[in-house]
């Protein structure tokens, strides 16, 4: 899943970026509101982590403009502003959640998993399609009696497919969800990951639709 982090503090931004990548997210990090809006206009994201005290355009303005576009992209405000009035304003402007700094990184990741699940129409912390299951917190995939711990990239790819069972995702769409700005994408990286997942979970776990992309079957 690809996340846009909008945070002007370098130390906080670096810490969050590392934690997100360790948790198998692709991360694009911007440090001002104008650049954030440009990124949102030109790239598909699954969620935004938005600070409020930003240069050029503050976070509330960014939030208002995103919602004015008609976008329902999940947005979590991450801010040191802890007054009740600030939290109410942020939520009323269209934020999905509000987390006050300093916060535990595990809590941020849990809240992020929750809003991405809801965006994909999934309420459970375990994504499933028939007998295939993926635990979002442990990165363990299970198919029948087979249970395996996935690598960071394997998890990210299978999560992208399981959030939209029955939908075909192209190579470009999968690459967008797995790699952030500046990350090198090898020409056969998606094929390699799919081969690894099939080897661990079975040849039929991911289906190839020739000339279009890959999918996991929608449960009957």
N, C-alpha and C. Protein backbone atom coordinates (compact mmCIF):
# COMPACT_ATOMS: atom_id res chain seq x y z
N UNK A 1 0.84 -1.18 0.00
CA UNK A 1 0.00 0.00 0.00
C UNK A 1 0.88 1.25 0.00
N UNK A 2 0.46 2.25 -0.74
CA UNK A 2 1.27 3.46 -0.87
C UNK A 2 0.68 4.58 -0.02
N UNK A 3 1.51 5.16 0.82
CA UNK A 3 1.09 6.17 1.79
C UNK A 3 1.79 7.49 1.47
N UNK A 4 1.04 8.59 1.58
CA UNK A 4 1.65 9.92 1.49
C UNK A 4 1.81 10.46 2.91
N UNK A 5 3.03 10.73 3.29
CA UNK A 5 3.35 11.34 4.58
C UNK A 5 3.61 12.83 4.35
N UNK A 6 2.85 13.67 5.05
CA UNK A 6 3.02 15.13 4.93
C UNK A 6 3.45 15.64 6.29
N UNK A 7 4.74 15.88 6.44
CA UNK A 7 5.34 16.20 7.74
C UNK A 7 6.58 17.05 7.52
N UNK A 8 6.62 18.26 8.13
CA UNK A 8 7.75 19.15 7.89
C UNK A 8 8.92 18.93 8.83
N UNK A 9 8.73 18.25 9.94
CA UNK A 9 9.82 17.99 10.87
C UNK A 9 10.66 16.81 10.35
N UNK A 10 11.94 17.06 10.11
CA UNK A 10 12.79 16.04 9.49
C UNK A 10 12.93 14.79 10.36
N UNK A 11 13.17 14.96 11.65
CA UNK A 11 13.36 13.80 12.51
C UNK A 11 12.10 12.95 12.61
N UNK A 12 10.96 13.61 12.77
CA UNK A 12 9.70 12.87 12.86
C UNK A 12 9.40 12.20 11.53
N UNK A 13 9.60 12.92 10.44
CA UNK A 13 9.33 12.36 9.11
C UNK A 13 10.19 11.15 8.82
N UNK A 14 11.47 11.22 9.17
CA UNK A 14 12.36 10.08 8.94
C UNK A 14 11.94 8.88 9.78
N UNK A 15 11.58 9.12 11.04
CA UNK A 15 11.18 8.02 11.92
C UNK A 15 9.91 7.34 11.41
N UNK A 16 8.93 8.14 11.00
CA UNK A 16 7.68 7.56 10.50
C UNK A 16 7.93 6.83 9.18
N UNK A 17 8.75 7.39 8.31
CA UNK A 17 9.04 6.74 7.03
C UNK A 17 9.66 5.37 7.23
N UNK A 18 10.63 5.30 8.13
CA UNK A 18 11.29 4.01 8.41
C UNK A 18 10.28 3.00 8.95
N UNK A 19 9.45 3.43 9.91
CA UNK A 19 8.46 2.52 10.50
C UNK A 19 7.47 2.03 9.45
N UNK A 20 7.04 2.91 8.56
CA UNK A 20 6.10 2.51 7.53
C UNK A 20 6.72 1.52 6.55
N UNK A 21 7.95 1.77 6.15
CA UNK A 21 8.61 0.84 5.22
C UNK A 21 8.84 -0.51 5.88
N UNK A 22 9.21 -0.50 7.15
CA UNK A 22 9.39 -1.75 7.88
C UNK A 22 8.08 -2.54 7.97
N UNK A 23 6.95 -1.83 7.94
CA UNK A 23 5.64 -2.46 8.01
C UNK A 23 5.08 -2.77 6.63
N UNK A 24 5.91 -2.67 5.60
CA UNK A 24 5.57 -3.08 4.23
C UNK A 24 4.78 -2.04 3.45
N UNK A 25 4.80 -0.77 3.87
CA UNK A 25 4.17 0.29 3.10
C UNK A 25 5.19 0.95 2.19
N UNK A 26 4.74 1.39 1.01
CA UNK A 26 5.53 2.30 0.20
C UNK A 26 5.21 3.72 0.67
N UNK A 27 6.23 4.57 0.78
CA UNK A 27 6.05 5.89 1.39
C UNK A 27 6.58 6.99 0.47
N UNK A 28 5.75 8.01 0.24
CA UNK A 28 6.21 9.26 -0.36
C UNK A 28 6.10 10.32 0.73
N UNK A 29 7.18 11.07 0.93
CA UNK A 29 7.23 12.04 2.03
C UNK A 29 7.36 13.44 1.47
N UNK A 30 6.40 14.31 1.77
CA UNK A 30 6.48 15.72 1.41
C UNK A 30 6.52 16.56 2.69
N UNK A 31 7.08 17.77 2.58
CA UNK A 31 7.29 18.59 3.78
C UNK A 31 6.55 19.92 3.74
N UNK A 32 5.66 20.12 2.77
CA UNK A 32 4.83 21.32 2.76
C UNK A 32 3.50 21.01 2.09
N UNK A 33 2.51 21.86 2.32
CA UNK A 33 1.16 21.60 1.85
C UNK A 33 1.01 21.66 0.34
N UNK A 34 1.71 22.58 -0.31
CA UNK A 34 1.60 22.71 -1.77
C UNK A 34 2.10 21.46 -2.46
N UNK A 35 3.26 20.96 -2.04
CA UNK A 35 3.81 19.75 -2.65
C UNK A 35 2.91 18.55 -2.39
N UNK A 36 2.28 18.52 -1.22
CA UNK A 36 1.36 17.43 -0.90
C UNK A 36 0.19 17.40 -1.88
N UNK A 37 -0.40 18.56 -2.16
CA UNK A 37 -1.52 18.61 -3.10
C UNK A 37 -1.09 18.20 -4.51
N UNK A 38 0.10 18.58 -4.92
CA UNK A 38 0.61 18.17 -6.22
C UNK A 38 0.77 16.65 -6.28
N UNK A 39 1.28 16.07 -5.20
CA UNK A 39 1.45 14.62 -5.14
C UNK A 39 0.11 13.91 -5.23
N UNK A 40 -0.89 14.40 -4.50
CA UNK A 40 -2.21 13.79 -4.49
C UNK A 40 -2.86 13.86 -5.87
N UNK A 41 -2.59 14.94 -6.59
CA UNK A 41 -3.17 15.11 -7.92
C UNK A 41 -2.54 14.18 -8.95
N UNK A 42 -1.32 13.73 -8.69
CA UNK A 42 -0.58 12.98 -9.70
C UNK A 42 -0.29 11.53 -9.34
N UNK A 43 -0.70 11.10 -8.16
CA UNK A 43 -0.36 9.75 -7.72
C UNK A 43 -1.53 9.15 -6.94
N UNK A 44 -1.74 7.85 -7.07
CA UNK A 44 -2.78 7.17 -6.31
C UNK A 44 -2.22 6.71 -4.97
N UNK A 45 -2.89 7.09 -3.89
CA UNK A 45 -2.49 6.67 -2.55
C UNK A 45 -3.62 5.90 -1.89
N UNK A 46 -3.24 5.08 -0.90
CA UNK A 46 -4.24 4.37 -0.13
C UNK A 46 -4.56 5.09 1.18
N UNK A 47 -3.70 6.02 1.60
CA UNK A 47 -3.96 6.81 2.81
C UNK A 47 -2.97 7.97 2.87
N UNK A 48 -3.33 9.00 3.67
CA UNK A 48 -2.45 10.14 3.91
C UNK A 48 -2.27 10.32 5.41
N UNK A 49 -1.04 10.56 5.83
CA UNK A 49 -0.73 10.98 7.19
C UNK A 49 -0.38 12.45 7.12
N UNK A 50 -1.18 13.29 7.78
CA UNK A 50 -1.13 14.74 7.54
C UNK A 50 -0.85 15.52 8.81
N UNK A 51 0.28 16.22 8.85
CA UNK A 51 0.56 17.17 9.91
C UNK A 51 -0.25 18.45 9.64
N UNK A 52 -0.48 19.25 10.67
CA UNK A 52 -1.25 20.48 10.49
C UNK A 52 -0.36 21.70 10.31
N UNK A 53 0.73 21.81 11.08
CA UNK A 53 1.58 22.99 11.01
C UNK A 53 2.59 22.89 9.90
N UNK A 54 2.14 23.13 8.67
CA UNK A 54 2.98 22.95 7.48
C UNK A 54 3.33 24.29 6.84
N UNK A 55 4.49 24.38 6.17
CA UNK A 55 4.80 25.57 5.37
C UNK A 55 3.91 25.66 4.14
N UNK A 56 3.79 26.87 3.60
CA UNK A 56 3.09 27.18 2.34
C UNK A 56 1.58 27.02 2.45
N UNK A 57 1.10 25.81 2.76
CA UNK A 57 -0.33 25.60 3.02
C UNK A 57 -0.44 24.74 4.27
N UNK A 58 -1.24 25.18 5.23
CA UNK A 58 -1.36 24.39 6.46
C UNK A 58 -2.19 23.14 6.21
N UNK A 59 -2.12 22.20 7.16
CA UNK A 59 -2.78 20.92 7.00
C UNK A 59 -4.29 21.02 6.86
N UNK A 60 -4.91 21.94 7.58
CA UNK A 60 -6.36 22.09 7.47
C UNK A 60 -6.76 22.50 6.05
N UNK A 61 -5.98 23.39 5.43
CA UNK A 61 -6.27 23.80 4.06
C UNK A 61 -6.10 22.64 3.10
N UNK A 62 -5.03 21.86 3.30
CA UNK A 62 -4.82 20.68 2.46
C UNK A 62 -6.01 19.73 2.58
N UNK A 63 -6.44 19.48 3.81
CA UNK A 63 -7.57 18.60 4.06
C UNK A 63 -8.84 19.11 3.37
N UNK A 64 -9.11 20.39 3.50
CA UNK A 64 -10.31 20.98 2.87
C UNK A 64 -10.26 20.82 1.35
N UNK A 65 -9.11 21.05 0.76
CA UNK A 65 -9.00 20.98 -0.70
C UNK A 65 -9.13 19.55 -1.20
N UNK A 66 -8.57 18.60 -0.46
CA UNK A 66 -8.71 17.19 -0.85
C UNK A 66 -10.18 16.79 -0.82
N UNK A 67 -10.88 17.16 0.22
CA UNK A 67 -12.30 16.80 0.31
C UNK A 67 -13.13 17.57 -0.72
N UNK A 68 -12.72 18.80 -1.05
CA UNK A 68 -13.43 19.57 -2.07
C UNK A 68 -13.31 18.92 -3.45
N UNK A 69 -12.24 18.12 -3.66
CA UNK A 69 -12.08 17.39 -4.91
C UNK A 69 -13.07 16.22 -5.02
N UNK A 70 -13.75 15.92 -3.91
CA UNK A 70 -14.64 14.77 -3.88
C UNK A 70 -13.94 13.49 -3.50
N UNK A 71 -12.69 13.60 -3.05
CA UNK A 71 -11.91 12.41 -2.69
C UNK A 71 -12.31 11.88 -1.32
N UNK A 72 -12.45 10.54 -1.21
CA UNK A 72 -12.69 9.92 0.08
C UNK A 72 -11.44 9.19 0.59
N UNK A 73 -10.29 9.60 0.10
CA UNK A 73 -9.02 9.03 0.51
C UNK A 73 -8.86 9.10 2.03
N UNK A 74 -8.54 7.98 2.69
CA UNK A 74 -8.38 8.01 4.14
C UNK A 74 -7.27 8.97 4.58
N UNK A 75 -7.57 9.81 5.56
CA UNK A 75 -6.60 10.79 6.06
C UNK A 75 -6.55 10.71 7.58
N UNK A 76 -5.34 10.52 8.10
CA UNK A 76 -5.11 10.58 9.54
C UNK A 76 -4.29 11.83 9.83
N UNK A 77 -4.82 12.72 10.66
CA UNK A 77 -4.06 13.87 11.11
C UNK A 77 -3.08 13.43 12.19
N UNK A 78 -1.82 13.85 12.06
CA UNK A 78 -0.81 13.61 13.09
C UNK A 78 -0.28 14.98 13.50
N UNK A 79 -0.61 15.42 14.69
CA UNK A 79 -0.32 16.80 15.08
C UNK A 79 -0.02 16.92 16.56
N UNK A 80 0.79 17.92 16.90
CA UNK A 80 1.04 18.22 18.31
C UNK A 80 -0.09 19.06 18.91
N UNK A 81 -1.01 19.54 18.09
CA UNK A 81 -2.14 20.32 18.59
C UNK A 81 -3.12 19.37 19.30
N UNK A 82 -3.15 19.48 20.62
CA UNK A 82 -3.92 18.50 21.38
C UNK A 82 -5.21 19.06 21.99
N UNK A 83 -5.54 20.32 21.68
CA UNK A 83 -6.77 20.90 22.22
C UNK A 83 -7.99 20.20 21.62
N UNK A 84 -9.02 20.07 22.41
CA UNK A 84 -10.25 19.43 21.94
C UNK A 84 -10.79 20.14 20.70
N UNK A 85 -10.70 21.47 20.69
CA UNK A 85 -11.22 22.23 19.55
C UNK A 85 -10.47 21.90 18.26
N UNK A 86 -9.15 21.68 18.36
CA UNK A 86 -8.35 21.31 17.18
C UNK A 86 -8.76 19.94 16.66
N UNK A 87 -8.96 18.99 17.57
CA UNK A 87 -9.35 17.64 17.16
C UNK A 87 -10.73 17.65 16.51
N UNK A 88 -11.65 18.39 17.09
CA UNK A 88 -13.00 18.48 16.53
C UNK A 88 -12.95 19.12 15.14
N UNK A 89 -12.19 20.20 15.01
CA UNK A 89 -12.09 20.87 13.71
C UNK A 89 -11.53 19.93 12.65
N UNK A 90 -10.46 19.21 12.98
CA UNK A 90 -9.85 18.30 12.02
C UNK A 90 -10.81 17.22 11.56
N UNK A 91 -11.53 16.63 12.50
CA UNK A 91 -12.49 15.58 12.15
C UNK A 91 -13.66 16.14 11.36
N UNK A 92 -14.14 17.34 11.74
CA UNK A 92 -15.26 17.95 11.02
C UNK A 92 -14.87 18.39 9.61
N UNK A 93 -13.59 18.67 9.39
CA UNK A 93 -13.14 19.04 8.04
C UNK A 93 -13.00 17.82 7.13
N UNK A 94 -13.09 16.61 7.72
CA UNK A 94 -13.07 15.41 6.88
C UNK A 94 -11.99 14.41 7.18
N UNK A 95 -11.20 14.63 8.24
CA UNK A 95 -10.20 13.63 8.60
C UNK A 95 -10.89 12.37 9.12
N UNK A 96 -10.29 11.22 8.88
CA UNK A 96 -10.83 9.94 9.37
C UNK A 96 -10.38 9.63 10.79
N UNK A 97 -9.27 10.21 11.20
CA UNK A 97 -8.73 9.96 12.53
C UNK A 97 -7.79 11.10 12.89
N UNK A 98 -7.49 11.21 14.18
CA UNK A 98 -6.64 12.30 14.68
C UNK A 98 -5.75 11.71 15.76
N UNK A 99 -4.45 11.78 15.55
CA UNK A 99 -3.48 11.22 16.50
C UNK A 99 -2.57 12.34 16.99
N UNK A 100 -2.48 12.49 18.31
CA UNK A 100 -1.72 13.59 18.90
C UNK A 100 -0.27 13.15 19.14
N UNK A 101 0.68 13.99 18.70
CA UNK A 101 2.10 13.76 18.97
C UNK A 101 2.42 14.10 20.42
N UNK A 102 3.35 13.41 21.05
CA UNK A 102 4.02 12.20 20.56
C UNK A 102 3.12 10.99 20.69
N UNK A 103 3.27 10.05 19.76
CA UNK A 103 2.45 8.84 19.79
C UNK A 103 3.35 7.62 19.62
N UNK A 104 2.84 6.48 20.01
CA UNK A 104 3.56 5.22 19.80
C UNK A 104 3.41 4.81 18.35
N UNK A 105 4.50 4.41 17.72
CA UNK A 105 4.45 4.04 16.31
C UNK A 105 3.51 2.85 16.09
N UNK A 106 3.46 1.94 17.05
CA UNK A 106 2.56 0.79 16.90
C UNK A 106 1.10 1.23 16.83
N UNK A 107 0.76 2.29 17.57
CA UNK A 107 -0.61 2.78 17.52
C UNK A 107 -0.91 3.40 16.16
N UNK A 108 0.03 4.18 15.63
CA UNK A 108 -0.15 4.76 14.30
C UNK A 108 -0.37 3.66 13.27
N UNK A 109 0.43 2.61 13.31
CA UNK A 109 0.31 1.52 12.35
C UNK A 109 -1.04 0.81 12.48
N UNK A 110 -1.49 0.63 13.74
CA UNK A 110 -2.78 -0.02 13.96
C UNK A 110 -3.93 0.82 13.40
N UNK A 111 -3.87 2.13 13.62
CA UNK A 111 -4.92 3.01 13.10
C UNK A 111 -4.89 3.04 11.57
N UNK A 112 -3.69 2.99 11.01
CA UNK A 112 -3.56 2.98 9.55
C UNK A 112 -4.14 1.69 8.97
N UNK A 113 -3.84 0.57 9.59
CA UNK A 113 -4.42 -0.70 9.13
C UNK A 113 -5.94 -0.64 9.17
N UNK A 114 -6.48 -0.04 10.22
CA UNK A 114 -7.94 0.00 10.40
C UNK A 114 -8.61 0.81 9.30
N UNK A 115 -8.08 1.99 8.99
CA UNK A 115 -8.77 2.81 7.98
C UNK A 115 -8.59 2.25 6.57
N UNK A 116 -7.45 1.58 6.31
CA UNK A 116 -7.27 0.96 5.00
C UNK A 116 -8.22 -0.22 4.84
N UNK A 117 -8.40 -1.00 5.93
CA UNK A 117 -9.38 -2.10 5.87
C UNK A 117 -10.77 -1.56 5.56
N UNK A 118 -11.16 -0.52 6.26
CA UNK A 118 -12.51 0.03 6.05
C UNK A 118 -12.66 0.57 4.64
N UNK A 119 -11.61 1.20 4.12
CA UNK A 119 -11.66 1.74 2.76
C UNK A 119 -11.86 0.62 1.75
N UNK A 120 -11.29 -0.53 2.05
CA UNK A 120 -11.44 -1.68 1.16
C UNK A 120 -12.69 -2.49 1.44
N UNK A 121 -13.54 -2.01 2.34
CA UNK A 121 -14.77 -2.72 2.66
C UNK A 121 -14.56 -3.92 3.54
N UNK A 122 -13.44 -3.95 4.27
CA UNK A 122 -13.10 -5.09 5.12
C UNK A 122 -13.12 -4.63 6.57
N UNK A 123 -13.86 -5.33 7.42
CA UNK A 123 -13.89 -4.97 8.83
C UNK A 123 -12.92 -5.77 9.67
N UNK A 124 -12.62 -6.97 9.23
CA UNK A 124 -11.77 -7.88 10.02
C UNK A 124 -10.30 -7.51 9.90
N UNK A 125 -9.49 -7.75 10.95
CA UNK A 125 -8.04 -7.56 10.85
C UNK A 125 -7.36 -8.62 10.01
N UNK A 126 -8.12 -9.61 9.57
CA UNK A 126 -7.61 -10.66 8.70
C UNK A 126 -8.32 -10.56 7.36
N UNK A 127 -7.58 -10.28 6.29
CA UNK A 127 -8.16 -10.27 4.95
C UNK A 127 -8.32 -11.71 4.48
N UNK A 128 -9.39 -11.98 3.77
CA UNK A 128 -9.59 -13.35 3.32
C UNK A 128 -10.29 -13.38 1.98
N UNK A 129 -10.05 -14.43 1.25
CA UNK A 129 -10.74 -14.72 0.01
C UNK A 129 -10.87 -16.23 -0.05
N UNK A 130 -12.01 -16.74 0.38
CA UNK A 130 -12.16 -18.18 0.48
C UNK A 130 -11.27 -18.74 1.56
N UNK A 131 -10.46 -19.72 1.20
CA UNK A 131 -9.58 -20.37 2.19
C UNK A 131 -8.26 -19.63 2.38
N UNK A 132 -8.02 -18.58 1.59
CA UNK A 132 -6.79 -17.79 1.72
C UNK A 132 -7.02 -16.67 2.73
N UNK A 133 -6.13 -16.57 3.72
CA UNK A 133 -6.23 -15.54 4.74
C UNK A 133 -4.89 -14.84 4.94
N UNK A 134 -4.96 -13.54 5.25
CA UNK A 134 -3.75 -12.76 5.49
C UNK A 134 -3.96 -11.91 6.73
N UNK A 135 -3.15 -12.15 7.76
CA UNK A 135 -3.22 -11.38 9.00
C UNK A 135 -2.41 -10.10 8.82
N UNK A 136 -3.08 -8.95 8.92
CA UNK A 136 -2.43 -7.67 8.64
C UNK A 136 -1.43 -7.26 9.71
N UNK A 137 -1.58 -7.77 10.92
CA UNK A 137 -0.67 -7.36 11.99
C UNK A 137 0.56 -8.25 12.09
N UNK A 138 0.44 -9.52 11.72
CA UNK A 138 1.57 -10.45 11.84
C UNK A 138 2.25 -10.75 10.52
N UNK A 139 1.60 -10.40 9.39
CA UNK A 139 2.09 -10.69 8.04
C UNK A 139 2.15 -12.20 7.76
N UNK A 140 1.30 -12.95 8.44
CA UNK A 140 1.22 -14.40 8.22
C UNK A 140 0.07 -14.69 7.26
N UNK A 141 0.37 -15.44 6.20
CA UNK A 141 -0.64 -15.87 5.24
C UNK A 141 -0.95 -17.35 5.48
N UNK A 142 -2.21 -17.70 5.30
CA UNK A 142 -2.62 -19.08 5.51
C UNK A 142 -3.54 -19.52 4.38
N UNK A 143 -3.26 -20.70 3.85
CA UNK A 143 -4.10 -21.30 2.83
C UNK A 143 -4.31 -22.75 3.23
N UNK A 144 -5.51 -23.06 3.69
CA UNK A 144 -5.76 -24.40 4.21
C UNK A 144 -4.91 -24.66 5.43
N UNK A 145 -4.11 -25.70 5.37
CA UNK A 145 -3.23 -26.07 6.49
C UNK A 145 -1.87 -25.40 6.41
N UNK A 146 -1.61 -24.71 5.31
CA UNK A 146 -0.29 -24.08 5.10
C UNK A 146 -0.31 -22.67 5.69
N UNK A 147 0.65 -22.38 6.56
CA UNK A 147 0.76 -21.06 7.18
C UNK A 147 2.20 -20.58 7.07
N UNK A 148 2.41 -19.38 6.49
CA UNK A 148 3.78 -18.90 6.26
C UNK A 148 3.88 -17.42 6.60
N UNK A 149 5.06 -17.02 7.08
CA UNK A 149 5.38 -15.62 7.32
C UNK A 149 5.93 -15.04 6.03
N UNK A 150 5.32 -13.95 5.56
CA UNK A 150 5.71 -13.35 4.29
C UNK A 150 6.77 -12.28 4.48
N UNK A 151 7.57 -12.08 3.46
CA UNK A 151 8.50 -10.96 3.46
C UNK A 151 7.71 -9.67 3.30
N UNK A 152 8.40 -8.55 3.49
CA UNK A 152 7.74 -7.25 3.41
C UNK A 152 7.07 -7.03 2.06
N UNK A 153 7.77 -7.29 0.97
CA UNK A 153 7.21 -7.07 -0.36
C UNK A 153 6.14 -8.11 -0.69
N UNK A 154 6.35 -9.36 -0.30
CA UNK A 154 5.34 -10.39 -0.54
C UNK A 154 4.02 -10.02 0.14
N UNK A 155 4.13 -9.56 1.38
CA UNK A 155 2.94 -9.15 2.12
C UNK A 155 2.24 -7.99 1.42
N UNK A 156 3.01 -6.99 1.00
CA UNK A 156 2.42 -5.81 0.36
C UNK A 156 1.67 -6.19 -0.91
N UNK A 157 2.24 -7.08 -1.70
CA UNK A 157 1.59 -7.48 -2.95
C UNK A 157 0.31 -8.27 -2.67
N UNK A 158 0.38 -9.24 -1.76
CA UNK A 158 -0.81 -10.04 -1.47
C UNK A 158 -1.90 -9.19 -0.82
N UNK A 159 -1.53 -8.25 0.04
CA UNK A 159 -2.50 -7.35 0.63
C UNK A 159 -3.21 -6.53 -0.44
N UNK A 160 -2.48 -6.01 -1.41
CA UNK A 160 -3.08 -5.21 -2.48
C UNK A 160 -4.13 -6.02 -3.23
N UNK A 161 -3.83 -7.28 -3.51
CA UNK A 161 -4.78 -8.12 -4.23
C UNK A 161 -5.98 -8.50 -3.37
N UNK A 162 -5.74 -8.79 -2.10
CA UNK A 162 -6.83 -9.23 -1.22
C UNK A 162 -7.77 -8.09 -0.84
N UNK A 163 -7.31 -6.86 -0.92
CA UNK A 163 -8.21 -5.74 -0.66
C UNK A 163 -9.22 -5.57 -1.79
N UNK A 164 -8.92 -6.17 -2.94
CA UNK A 164 -9.84 -6.09 -4.08
C UNK A 164 -9.98 -7.46 -4.73
N UNK A 165 -10.50 -8.45 -4.00
CA UNK A 165 -10.63 -9.79 -4.59
C UNK A 165 -11.54 -9.78 -5.81
N UNK A 166 -11.10 -10.47 -6.83
CA UNK A 166 -11.85 -10.50 -8.08
C UNK A 166 -11.46 -9.42 -9.06
N UNK A 167 -10.74 -8.40 -8.59
CA UNK A 167 -10.28 -7.31 -9.47
C UNK A 167 -8.90 -7.63 -10.02
N UNK A 168 -8.68 -7.29 -11.26
CA UNK A 168 -7.38 -7.51 -11.89
C UNK A 168 -6.52 -6.26 -11.68
N UNK A 169 -5.33 -6.45 -11.11
CA UNK A 169 -4.38 -5.35 -10.94
C UNK A 169 -3.24 -5.54 -11.92
N UNK A 170 -2.94 -4.50 -12.68
CA UNK A 170 -1.87 -4.56 -13.67
C UNK A 170 -0.50 -4.46 -13.00
N UNK A 171 0.51 -4.70 -13.78
CA UNK A 171 1.88 -4.56 -13.26
C UNK A 171 2.11 -3.15 -12.72
N UNK A 172 1.68 -2.14 -13.48
CA UNK A 172 1.88 -0.75 -13.06
C UNK A 172 1.14 -0.46 -11.76
N UNK A 173 -0.08 -0.96 -11.63
CA UNK A 173 -0.84 -0.73 -10.40
C UNK A 173 -0.18 -1.38 -9.19
N UNK A 174 0.34 -2.58 -9.36
CA UNK A 174 1.03 -3.25 -8.26
C UNK A 174 2.33 -2.52 -7.90
N UNK A 175 3.07 -2.09 -8.91
CA UNK A 175 4.31 -1.35 -8.64
C UNK A 175 4.03 -0.06 -7.88
N UNK A 176 2.93 0.62 -8.23
CA UNK A 176 2.58 1.86 -7.54
C UNK A 176 2.30 1.62 -6.06
N UNK A 177 1.76 0.45 -5.73
CA UNK A 177 1.42 0.15 -4.34
C UNK A 177 2.61 -0.36 -3.54
N UNK A 178 3.66 -0.82 -4.25
CA UNK A 178 4.80 -1.44 -3.56
C UNK A 178 6.02 -0.54 -3.44
N UNK A 179 6.11 0.49 -4.29
CA UNK A 179 7.34 1.29 -4.33
C UNK A 179 7.03 2.78 -4.21
N UNK A 180 7.78 3.47 -3.35
CA UNK A 180 7.65 4.90 -3.19
C UNK A 180 8.65 5.64 -4.06
N UNK A 181 8.65 6.97 -3.92
CA UNK A 181 9.58 7.80 -4.68
C UNK A 181 11.02 7.37 -4.42
N UNK A 182 11.82 7.31 -5.48
CA UNK A 182 13.24 7.05 -5.34
C UNK A 182 13.60 5.59 -5.16
N UNK A 183 12.61 4.71 -5.04
CA UNK A 183 12.92 3.29 -4.88
C UNK A 183 13.05 2.64 -6.27
N UNK A 184 14.14 1.93 -6.47
CA UNK A 184 14.41 1.30 -7.76
C UNK A 184 13.47 0.11 -7.96
N UNK A 185 12.86 0.06 -9.14
CA UNK A 185 11.96 -1.04 -9.48
C UNK A 185 12.62 -1.88 -10.57
N UNK A 186 13.00 -3.10 -10.24
CA UNK A 186 13.57 -4.00 -11.24
C UNK A 186 12.47 -4.48 -12.17
N UNK A 187 12.84 -4.75 -13.42
CA UNK A 187 11.84 -5.04 -14.45
C UNK A 187 11.02 -6.28 -14.14
N UNK A 188 11.58 -7.24 -13.43
CA UNK A 188 10.86 -8.49 -13.16
C UNK A 188 10.47 -8.66 -11.70
N UNK A 189 10.44 -7.55 -10.95
CA UNK A 189 10.22 -7.65 -9.51
C UNK A 189 8.84 -8.22 -9.17
N UNK A 190 7.80 -7.81 -9.88
CA UNK A 190 6.45 -8.31 -9.60
C UNK A 190 6.37 -9.81 -9.91
N UNK A 191 6.96 -10.23 -11.03
CA UNK A 191 6.96 -11.65 -11.38
C UNK A 191 7.68 -12.47 -10.32
N UNK A 192 8.80 -11.95 -9.81
CA UNK A 192 9.57 -12.66 -8.80
C UNK A 192 8.75 -12.83 -7.52
N UNK A 193 8.04 -11.77 -7.10
CA UNK A 193 7.24 -11.84 -5.88
C UNK A 193 6.07 -12.81 -6.03
N UNK A 194 5.43 -12.78 -7.18
CA UNK A 194 4.31 -13.70 -7.42
C UNK A 194 4.79 -15.14 -7.44
N UNK A 195 5.94 -15.36 -8.05
CA UNK A 195 6.52 -16.71 -8.05
C UNK A 195 6.80 -17.17 -6.62
N UNK A 196 7.33 -16.26 -5.79
CA UNK A 196 7.64 -16.61 -4.39
C UNK A 196 6.37 -16.94 -3.61
N UNK A 197 5.31 -16.16 -3.82
CA UNK A 197 4.05 -16.41 -3.14
C UNK A 197 3.43 -17.73 -3.57
N UNK A 198 3.49 -18.02 -4.85
CA UNK A 198 2.95 -19.29 -5.34
C UNK A 198 3.74 -20.47 -4.80
N UNK A 199 5.04 -20.29 -4.68
CA UNK A 199 5.87 -21.37 -4.14
C UNK A 199 5.53 -21.65 -2.68
N UNK A 200 5.21 -20.59 -1.92
CA UNK A 200 4.90 -20.74 -0.50
C UNK A 200 3.46 -21.22 -0.25
N UNK A 201 2.53 -20.76 -1.10
CA UNK A 201 1.11 -20.98 -0.81
C UNK A 201 0.38 -21.83 -1.84
N UNK A 202 1.04 -22.14 -2.94
CA UNK A 202 0.39 -22.95 -3.97
C UNK A 202 0.25 -22.18 -5.27
N UNK A 203 0.28 -22.92 -6.37
CA UNK A 203 0.32 -22.31 -7.70
C UNK A 203 -0.95 -21.54 -8.03
N UNK A 204 -2.08 -21.89 -7.40
CA UNK A 204 -3.35 -21.27 -7.75
C UNK A 204 -3.70 -20.07 -6.88
N UNK A 205 -2.82 -19.70 -5.95
CA UNK A 205 -3.16 -18.63 -5.01
C UNK A 205 -3.35 -17.29 -5.72
N UNK A 206 -2.55 -17.03 -6.75
CA UNK A 206 -2.68 -15.81 -7.54
C UNK A 206 -2.87 -16.20 -8.99
N UNK A 207 -3.90 -15.69 -9.62
CA UNK A 207 -4.21 -16.05 -10.99
C UNK A 207 -3.72 -14.97 -11.94
N UNK A 208 -3.14 -15.41 -13.05
CA UNK A 208 -2.68 -14.50 -14.09
C UNK A 208 -3.76 -14.36 -15.16
N UNK A 209 -4.08 -13.12 -15.50
CA UNK A 209 -5.00 -12.85 -16.61
C UNK A 209 -4.14 -12.30 -17.74
N UNK A 210 -3.91 -13.12 -18.73
CA UNK A 210 -2.91 -12.80 -19.76
C UNK A 210 -3.16 -11.42 -20.38
N UNK A 211 -2.09 -10.64 -20.38
CA UNK A 211 -2.15 -9.31 -20.98
C UNK A 211 -2.79 -8.24 -20.12
N UNK A 212 -3.32 -8.63 -18.94
CA UNK A 212 -4.01 -7.66 -18.10
C UNK A 212 -3.38 -7.51 -16.73
N UNK A 213 -3.03 -8.62 -16.06
CA UNK A 213 -2.45 -8.52 -14.73
C UNK A 213 -2.73 -9.75 -13.90
N UNK A 214 -2.94 -9.53 -12.59
CA UNK A 214 -3.09 -10.64 -11.65
C UNK A 214 -4.26 -10.37 -10.72
N UNK A 215 -4.78 -11.44 -10.12
CA UNK A 215 -5.92 -11.31 -9.21
C UNK A 215 -5.95 -12.49 -8.25
N UNK A 216 -6.67 -12.31 -7.14
CA UNK A 216 -7.08 -13.43 -6.31
C UNK A 216 -8.59 -13.57 -6.49
N UNK A 217 -9.07 -14.79 -6.46
CA UNK A 217 -10.48 -15.04 -6.74
C UNK A 217 -11.37 -14.47 -5.65
N UNK A 218 -12.51 -13.98 -6.05
CA UNK A 218 -13.53 -13.54 -5.08
C UNK A 218 -14.15 -14.78 -4.45
N UNK A 219 -14.36 -14.79 -3.13
CA UNK A 219 -14.96 -15.97 -2.50
C UNK A 219 -16.35 -16.25 -3.04
N UNK A 220 -16.68 -17.52 -3.16
CA UNK A 220 -17.98 -17.93 -3.69
C UNK A 220 -19.08 -17.66 -2.67
